[in-house]
Amino acid sequence: MDSLVARPASQNGHAESPHMRIIKEAFRASVDEGFEAGLDVLLRDAREDCEFRPYIASDRVLRGHDAIRSYYGEAIASGTDMKLNPTSFHESGDDVVVHGSIRVARPTGGFSETQISWTYRFRDGRLAAAGWRPRQAG
């Protein structure tokens, strides 16, 4: 895991983009320091009007830093624990797509682990939207 998110800034002679560095840093912080640390990294480089579609929120859309922090803060305070496991990072234009899995432990004692893909969309150099979808085979 550490080698995946802590790769050198240059691969195959190409420097990583600022977008890729932000996303990798957010996942590194989440894995090493906990979910909230990763969220802090994302929001540091996010537009004030950014939109998040969290895995744990069904079809809900969170808009703006305050709503995002509040939602995740309440979930964590209630006992929900989220562990992210990125397996690959890809960039296409203004999007960074991360394939991996998320394990969610609920305060009731149940848990789920799902393979998903996160998509992070940047606009004017700042994170504008984050969402997920079930991971496609292949």
N, C-alpha and C. Protein backbone atom coordinates (compact mmCIF):
# COMPACT_ATOMS: atom_id res chain seq x y z
N MET A 1 0.84 -1.19 0.00
CA MET A 1 0.00 0.00 0.00
C MET A 1 0.87 1.24 0.00
N ASP A 2 1.84 1.31 0.90
CA ASP A 2 2.66 2.51 0.99
C ASP A 2 3.34 2.83 -0.33
N SER A 3 3.81 1.79 -1.04
CA SER A 3 4.50 2.06 -2.30
C SER A 3 3.56 2.61 -3.35
N LEU A 4 2.28 2.22 -3.29
CA LEU A 4 1.31 2.70 -4.28
C LEU A 4 1.04 4.19 -4.12
N VAL A 5 0.88 4.66 -2.90
CA VAL A 5 0.54 6.06 -2.69
C VAL A 5 1.76 6.93 -2.46
N ALA A 6 2.91 6.34 -2.33
CA ALA A 6 4.12 7.12 -2.08
C ALA A 6 5.13 6.96 -3.21
N ARG A 7 4.63 6.78 -4.41
CA ARG A 7 5.52 6.63 -5.56
C ARG A 7 6.27 7.93 -5.83
N PRO A 8 7.41 7.82 -6.48
CA PRO A 8 8.14 9.04 -6.84
C PRO A 8 7.30 9.92 -7.76
N ALA A 9 7.61 11.19 -7.77
CA ALA A 9 6.85 12.16 -8.56
C ALA A 9 7.03 11.95 -10.06
N SER A 10 8.00 11.18 -10.46
CA SER A 10 8.23 10.97 -11.88
C SER A 10 8.17 9.48 -12.20
N GLN A 11 7.38 9.14 -13.22
CA GLN A 11 7.29 7.77 -13.70
C GLN A 11 7.42 7.81 -15.20
N ASN A 12 8.22 6.93 -15.72
CA ASN A 12 8.42 6.85 -17.17
C ASN A 12 8.82 8.21 -17.76
N GLY A 13 9.54 9.00 -16.98
CA GLY A 13 10.00 10.28 -17.47
C GLY A 13 8.98 11.38 -17.43
N HIS A 14 7.76 11.12 -16.94
CA HIS A 14 6.70 12.11 -16.87
C HIS A 14 6.43 12.50 -15.43
N ALA A 15 6.42 13.79 -15.16
CA ALA A 15 6.12 14.25 -13.81
C ALA A 15 4.64 14.07 -13.51
N GLU A 16 4.32 13.73 -12.27
CA GLU A 16 2.92 13.65 -11.87
C GLU A 16 2.30 15.03 -11.88
N SER A 17 1.04 15.09 -12.23
CA SER A 17 0.33 16.36 -12.24
C SER A 17 0.02 16.79 -10.80
N PRO A 18 -0.25 18.07 -10.60
CA PRO A 18 -0.68 18.52 -9.27
C PRO A 18 -1.94 17.81 -8.81
N HIS A 19 -2.86 17.51 -9.72
CA HIS A 19 -4.10 16.81 -9.36
C HIS A 19 -3.78 15.43 -8.80
N MET A 20 -2.92 14.70 -9.48
CA MET A 20 -2.56 13.36 -9.03
C MET A 20 -1.86 13.41 -7.68
N ARG A 21 -0.99 14.39 -7.49
CA ARG A 21 -0.28 14.51 -6.20
C ARG A 21 -1.27 14.76 -5.06
N ILE A 22 -2.26 15.61 -5.28
CA ILE A 22 -3.27 15.91 -4.25
C ILE A 22 -4.03 14.64 -3.88
N ILE A 23 -4.48 13.90 -4.87
CA ILE A 23 -5.28 12.69 -4.60
C ILE A 23 -4.43 11.63 -3.91
N LYS A 24 -3.23 11.42 -4.38
CA LYS A 24 -2.36 10.44 -3.72
C LYS A 24 -2.05 10.85 -2.29
N GLU A 25 -1.83 12.13 -2.07
CA GLU A 25 -1.57 12.61 -0.71
C GLU A 25 -2.79 12.40 0.19
N ALA A 26 -3.98 12.62 -0.34
CA ALA A 26 -5.21 12.41 0.44
C ALA A 26 -5.35 10.94 0.82
N PHE A 27 -5.12 10.04 -0.12
CA PHE A 27 -5.21 8.62 0.20
C PHE A 27 -4.11 8.20 1.16
N ARG A 28 -2.91 8.71 0.98
CA ARG A 28 -1.82 8.39 1.91
C ARG A 28 -2.20 8.82 3.32
N ALA A 29 -2.72 10.05 3.47
CA ALA A 29 -3.12 10.55 4.79
C ALA A 29 -4.23 9.68 5.37
N SER A 30 -5.19 9.29 4.56
CA SER A 30 -6.29 8.47 5.04
C SER A 30 -5.79 7.11 5.53
N VAL A 31 -4.91 6.49 4.77
CA VAL A 31 -4.38 5.18 5.14
C VAL A 31 -3.49 5.28 6.38
N ASP A 32 -2.62 6.28 6.42
CA ASP A 32 -1.65 6.40 7.52
C ASP A 32 -2.20 7.05 8.78
N GLU A 33 -3.11 8.02 8.62
CA GLU A 33 -3.53 8.84 9.76
C GLU A 33 -5.03 8.77 10.04
N GLY A 34 -5.79 8.15 9.17
CA GLY A 34 -7.23 8.04 9.37
C GLY A 34 -8.01 8.83 8.34
N PHE A 35 -9.26 8.46 8.22
CA PHE A 35 -10.13 9.03 7.19
C PHE A 35 -10.19 10.55 7.24
N GLU A 36 -10.33 11.11 8.45
CA GLU A 36 -10.47 12.57 8.57
C GLU A 36 -9.23 13.31 8.06
N ALA A 37 -8.06 12.73 8.26
CA ALA A 37 -6.84 13.36 7.76
C ALA A 37 -6.85 13.43 6.23
N GLY A 38 -7.31 12.36 5.58
CA GLY A 38 -7.43 12.37 4.12
C GLY A 38 -8.44 13.38 3.64
N LEU A 39 -9.55 13.48 4.36
CA LEU A 39 -10.57 14.48 4.01
C LEU A 39 -10.01 15.89 4.13
N ASP A 40 -9.23 16.15 5.15
CA ASP A 40 -8.60 17.47 5.32
C ASP A 40 -7.72 17.82 4.12
N VAL A 41 -6.96 16.85 3.62
CA VAL A 41 -6.11 17.09 2.46
C VAL A 41 -6.97 17.43 1.24
N LEU A 42 -8.03 16.68 1.02
CA LEU A 42 -8.91 16.96 -0.13
C LEU A 42 -9.52 18.35 -0.04
N LEU A 43 -10.03 18.70 1.14
CA LEU A 43 -10.72 19.99 1.26
C LEU A 43 -9.75 21.16 1.21
N ARG A 44 -8.52 20.95 1.57
CA ARG A 44 -7.51 22.01 1.48
C ARG A 44 -7.36 22.50 0.04
N ASP A 45 -7.56 21.59 -0.90
CA ASP A 45 -7.40 21.93 -2.32
C ASP A 45 -8.72 21.88 -3.08
N ALA A 46 -9.83 22.04 -2.34
CA ALA A 46 -11.15 21.97 -2.97
C ALA A 46 -11.79 23.36 -3.06
N ARG A 47 -12.59 23.53 -4.09
CA ARG A 47 -13.37 24.76 -4.25
C ARG A 47 -14.37 24.83 -3.09
N GLU A 48 -14.76 26.03 -2.72
CA GLU A 48 -15.76 26.19 -1.65
C GLU A 48 -17.09 25.55 -2.02
N ASP A 49 -17.42 25.52 -3.31
CA ASP A 49 -18.70 24.95 -3.75
C ASP A 49 -18.57 23.50 -4.23
N CYS A 50 -17.53 22.81 -3.79
CA CYS A 50 -17.31 21.44 -4.24
C CYS A 50 -18.49 20.54 -3.84
N GLU A 51 -18.67 19.49 -4.62
CA GLU A 51 -19.74 18.52 -4.38
C GLU A 51 -19.14 17.15 -4.14
N PHE A 52 -19.57 16.51 -3.06
CA PHE A 52 -19.14 15.15 -2.74
C PHE A 52 -20.36 14.25 -2.76
N ARG A 53 -20.20 13.06 -3.31
CA ARG A 53 -21.21 12.01 -3.28
C ARG A 53 -20.59 10.83 -2.52
N PRO A 54 -20.74 10.83 -1.19
CA PRO A 54 -20.08 9.80 -0.38
C PRO A 54 -20.66 8.41 -0.56
N TYR A 55 -19.82 7.41 -0.48
CA TYR A 55 -20.25 6.02 -0.54
C TYR A 55 -21.25 5.73 0.57
N ILE A 56 -21.03 6.24 1.76
CA ILE A 56 -21.89 5.92 2.91
C ILE A 56 -23.18 6.73 2.93
N ALA A 57 -23.40 7.59 1.95
CA ALA A 57 -24.57 8.48 1.98
C ALA A 57 -25.62 8.15 0.94
N SER A 58 -25.64 6.93 0.44
CA SER A 58 -26.59 6.53 -0.60
C SER A 58 -26.48 7.49 -1.78
N ASP A 59 -27.58 8.14 -2.14
CA ASP A 59 -27.56 9.04 -3.30
C ASP A 59 -27.44 10.51 -2.91
N ARG A 60 -27.09 10.78 -1.69
CA ARG A 60 -27.01 12.15 -1.19
C ARG A 60 -25.81 12.90 -1.80
N VAL A 61 -26.03 14.19 -2.08
CA VAL A 61 -24.96 15.05 -2.58
C VAL A 61 -24.67 16.10 -1.51
N LEU A 62 -23.41 16.19 -1.10
CA LEU A 62 -22.99 17.19 -0.12
C LEU A 62 -22.34 18.34 -0.87
N ARG A 63 -22.71 19.57 -0.52
CA ARG A 63 -22.17 20.74 -1.22
C ARG A 63 -21.48 21.67 -0.23
N GLY A 64 -20.22 21.96 -0.51
CA GLY A 64 -19.46 22.90 0.29
C GLY A 64 -18.73 22.25 1.45
N HIS A 65 -17.65 22.89 1.87
CA HIS A 65 -16.79 22.37 2.93
C HIS A 65 -17.55 22.08 4.22
N ASP A 66 -18.40 23.00 4.65
CA ASP A 66 -19.10 22.84 5.92
C ASP A 66 -20.01 21.61 5.90
N ALA A 67 -20.77 21.43 4.85
CA ALA A 67 -21.68 20.28 4.75
C ALA A 67 -20.89 18.97 4.72
N ILE A 68 -19.78 18.97 4.00
CA ILE A 68 -18.95 17.76 3.88
C ILE A 68 -18.34 17.40 5.24
N ARG A 69 -17.73 18.38 5.90
CA ARG A 69 -17.13 18.13 7.22
C ARG A 69 -18.19 17.70 8.23
N SER A 70 -19.33 18.35 8.21
CA SER A 70 -20.40 18.03 9.15
C SER A 70 -20.89 16.60 8.96
N TYR A 71 -21.15 16.22 7.72
CA TYR A 71 -21.66 14.88 7.44
C TYR A 71 -20.68 13.80 7.91
N TYR A 72 -19.44 13.92 7.48
CA TYR A 72 -18.45 12.91 7.86
C TYR A 72 -18.17 12.96 9.37
N GLY A 73 -18.13 14.14 9.96
CA GLY A 73 -17.91 14.27 11.39
C GLY A 73 -18.98 13.55 12.19
N GLU A 74 -20.25 13.74 11.79
CA GLU A 74 -21.36 13.06 12.48
C GLU A 74 -21.28 11.55 12.30
N ALA A 75 -20.94 11.11 11.10
CA ALA A 75 -20.84 9.66 10.84
C ALA A 75 -19.74 9.04 11.71
N ILE A 76 -18.59 9.69 11.77
CA ILE A 76 -17.47 9.17 12.56
C ILE A 76 -17.80 9.23 14.05
N ALA A 77 -18.40 10.32 14.50
CA ALA A 77 -18.77 10.45 15.91
C ALA A 77 -19.78 9.38 16.33
N SER A 78 -20.63 8.95 15.40
CA SER A 78 -21.63 7.93 15.72
C SER A 78 -21.04 6.52 15.74
N GLY A 79 -19.78 6.38 15.31
CA GLY A 79 -19.12 5.08 15.34
C GLY A 79 -18.86 4.46 13.99
N THR A 80 -19.18 5.14 12.91
CA THR A 80 -18.87 4.62 11.58
C THR A 80 -17.37 4.77 11.33
N ASP A 81 -16.74 3.70 10.86
CA ASP A 81 -15.31 3.73 10.58
C ASP A 81 -15.10 3.33 9.11
N MET A 82 -14.31 4.12 8.39
CA MET A 82 -14.07 3.87 6.97
C MET A 82 -12.58 3.66 6.72
N LYS A 83 -12.25 2.57 6.06
CA LYS A 83 -10.88 2.27 5.67
C LYS A 83 -10.82 2.19 4.15
N LEU A 84 -9.95 2.99 3.57
CA LEU A 84 -9.80 3.03 2.11
C LEU A 84 -8.58 2.21 1.71
N ASN A 85 -8.70 1.50 0.61
CA ASN A 85 -7.59 0.71 0.09
C ASN A 85 -7.46 0.97 -1.41
N PRO A 86 -6.66 1.97 -1.79
CA PRO A 86 -6.48 2.24 -3.23
C PRO A 86 -5.58 1.18 -3.86
N THR A 87 -5.92 0.78 -5.09
CA THR A 87 -5.08 -0.19 -5.80
C THR A 87 -4.49 0.38 -7.09
N SER A 88 -5.10 1.44 -7.65
CA SER A 88 -4.51 2.08 -8.83
C SER A 88 -5.05 3.49 -8.97
N PHE A 89 -4.24 4.32 -9.60
CA PHE A 89 -4.56 5.74 -9.85
C PHE A 89 -4.41 6.01 -11.33
N HIS A 90 -5.41 6.68 -11.92
CA HIS A 90 -5.36 7.01 -13.35
C HIS A 90 -5.84 8.44 -13.53
N GLU A 91 -5.25 9.11 -14.50
CA GLU A 91 -5.65 10.49 -14.78
C GLU A 91 -6.11 10.60 -16.21
N SER A 92 -7.21 11.33 -16.40
CA SER A 92 -7.74 11.59 -17.73
C SER A 92 -8.27 13.02 -17.74
N GLY A 93 -7.56 13.90 -18.40
CA GLY A 93 -7.97 15.31 -18.44
C GLY A 93 -7.97 15.89 -17.04
N ASP A 94 -9.12 16.41 -16.61
CA ASP A 94 -9.24 17.02 -15.29
C ASP A 94 -9.73 16.04 -14.23
N ASP A 95 -9.80 14.76 -14.56
CA ASP A 95 -10.27 13.75 -13.62
C ASP A 95 -9.12 12.85 -13.16
N VAL A 96 -9.18 12.48 -11.89
CA VAL A 96 -8.32 11.43 -11.36
C VAL A 96 -9.25 10.33 -10.88
N VAL A 97 -9.04 9.11 -11.37
CA VAL A 97 -9.85 7.96 -10.98
C VAL A 97 -8.98 7.02 -10.17
N VAL A 98 -9.52 6.61 -9.03
CA VAL A 98 -8.82 5.69 -8.14
C VAL A 98 -9.66 4.43 -8.02
N HIS A 99 -9.05 3.30 -8.34
CA HIS A 99 -9.71 2.01 -8.14
C HIS A 99 -9.23 1.45 -6.81
N GLY A 100 -10.13 0.78 -6.12
CA GLY A 100 -9.76 0.17 -4.85
C GLY A 100 -10.96 -0.37 -4.13
N SER A 101 -10.86 -0.41 -2.81
CA SER A 101 -11.99 -0.89 -2.02
C SER A 101 -12.15 -0.02 -0.79
N ILE A 102 -13.35 -0.08 -0.22
CA ILE A 102 -13.65 0.63 1.02
C ILE A 102 -14.29 -0.38 1.97
N ARG A 103 -13.85 -0.33 3.20
CA ARG A 103 -14.45 -1.15 4.25
C ARG A 103 -15.11 -0.19 5.23
N VAL A 104 -16.40 -0.38 5.43
CA VAL A 104 -17.17 0.48 6.33
C VAL A 104 -17.67 -0.37 7.49
N ALA A 105 -17.24 0.00 8.70
CA ALA A 105 -17.73 -0.64 9.92
C ALA A 105 -18.78 0.28 10.52
N ARG A 106 -19.94 -0.28 10.78
CA ARG A 106 -21.08 0.49 11.31
C ARG A 106 -21.11 0.40 12.83
N PRO A 107 -21.71 1.40 13.49
CA PRO A 107 -21.77 1.39 14.95
C PRO A 107 -22.57 0.19 15.51
N THR A 108 -23.42 -0.41 14.68
CA THR A 108 -24.21 -1.56 15.12
C THR A 108 -23.39 -2.85 15.14
N GLY A 109 -22.17 -2.79 14.64
CA GLY A 109 -21.31 -3.97 14.62
C GLY A 109 -21.17 -4.60 13.25
N GLY A 110 -22.02 -4.25 12.32
CA GLY A 110 -21.93 -4.79 10.97
C GLY A 110 -20.88 -4.06 10.15
N PHE A 111 -20.48 -4.66 9.05
CA PHE A 111 -19.54 -3.99 8.15
C PHE A 111 -19.80 -4.44 6.72
N SER A 112 -19.29 -3.66 5.80
CA SER A 112 -19.32 -4.04 4.39
C SER A 112 -17.97 -3.68 3.78
N GLU A 113 -17.57 -4.45 2.80
CA GLU A 113 -16.36 -4.14 2.04
C GLU A 113 -16.71 -4.28 0.58
N THR A 114 -16.43 -3.23 -0.19
CA THR A 114 -16.86 -3.16 -1.58
C THR A 114 -15.73 -2.64 -2.45
N GLN A 115 -15.61 -3.22 -3.64
CA GLN A 115 -14.67 -2.69 -4.63
C GLN A 115 -15.37 -1.56 -5.37
N ILE A 116 -14.72 -0.40 -5.38
CA ILE A 116 -15.32 0.76 -6.03
C ILE A 116 -14.26 1.54 -6.78
N SER A 117 -14.72 2.53 -7.53
CA SER A 117 -13.86 3.50 -8.19
C SER A 117 -14.30 4.88 -7.74
N TRP A 118 -13.35 5.67 -7.27
CA TRP A 118 -13.61 7.05 -6.90
C TRP A 118 -13.20 7.93 -8.06
N THR A 119 -13.97 8.96 -8.36
CA THR A 119 -13.60 9.92 -9.39
C THR A 119 -13.52 11.30 -8.76
N TYR A 120 -12.39 11.96 -8.98
CA TYR A 120 -12.15 13.31 -8.48
C TYR A 120 -12.02 14.24 -9.67
N ARG A 121 -12.91 15.21 -9.78
CA ARG A 121 -12.94 16.13 -10.92
C ARG A 121 -12.41 17.49 -10.48
N PHE A 122 -11.45 18.00 -11.22
CA PHE A 122 -10.85 19.30 -10.93
C PHE A 122 -11.35 20.34 -11.92
N ARG A 123 -11.47 21.58 -11.46
CA ARG A 123 -11.82 22.70 -12.32
C ARG A 123 -10.99 23.89 -11.88
N ASP A 124 -10.33 24.51 -12.83
CA ASP A 124 -9.47 25.66 -12.56
C ASP A 124 -8.43 25.34 -11.48
N GLY A 125 -7.91 24.11 -11.51
CA GLY A 125 -6.84 23.72 -10.61
C GLY A 125 -7.26 23.29 -9.21
N ARG A 126 -8.57 23.31 -8.93
CA ARG A 126 -9.06 22.94 -7.59
C ARG A 126 -10.08 21.82 -7.71
N LEU A 127 -10.18 21.02 -6.67
CA LEU A 127 -11.14 19.93 -6.65
C LEU A 127 -12.56 20.49 -6.68
N ALA A 128 -13.35 20.05 -7.65
CA ALA A 128 -14.71 20.54 -7.82
C ALA A 128 -15.75 19.50 -7.43
N ALA A 129 -15.43 18.21 -7.59
CA ALA A 129 -16.40 17.16 -7.29
C ALA A 129 -15.68 15.85 -6.99
N ALA A 130 -16.32 15.06 -6.12
CA ALA A 130 -15.80 13.73 -5.80
C ALA A 130 -16.99 12.79 -5.69
N GLY A 131 -16.87 11.63 -6.31
CA GLY A 131 -17.94 10.66 -6.25
C GLY A 131 -17.39 9.26 -6.43
N TRP A 132 -18.27 8.30 -6.49
CA TRP A 132 -17.86 6.90 -6.61
C TRP A 132 -18.85 6.16 -7.49
N ARG A 133 -18.43 4.98 -7.91
CA ARG A 133 -19.31 4.06 -8.64
C ARG A 133 -18.81 2.65 -8.35
N PRO A 134 -19.66 1.65 -8.55
CA PRO A 134 -19.17 0.29 -8.40
C PRO A 134 -18.02 0.05 -9.37
N ARG A 135 -17.04 -0.69 -8.94
CA ARG A 135 -15.88 -0.93 -9.79
C ARG A 135 -16.25 -1.87 -10.93
N GLN A 136 -15.84 -1.48 -12.13
CA GLN A 136 -16.09 -2.27 -13.31
C GLN A 136 -15.08 -3.41 -13.40
N ALA A 137 -15.51 -4.54 -13.84
CA ALA A 137 -14.60 -5.67 -14.02
C ALA A 137 -13.62 -5.36 -15.13
N GLY A 138 -12.39 -5.82 -14.94
CA GLY A 138 -11.41 -5.67 -16.00
C GLY A 138 -10.49 -4.60 -15.83
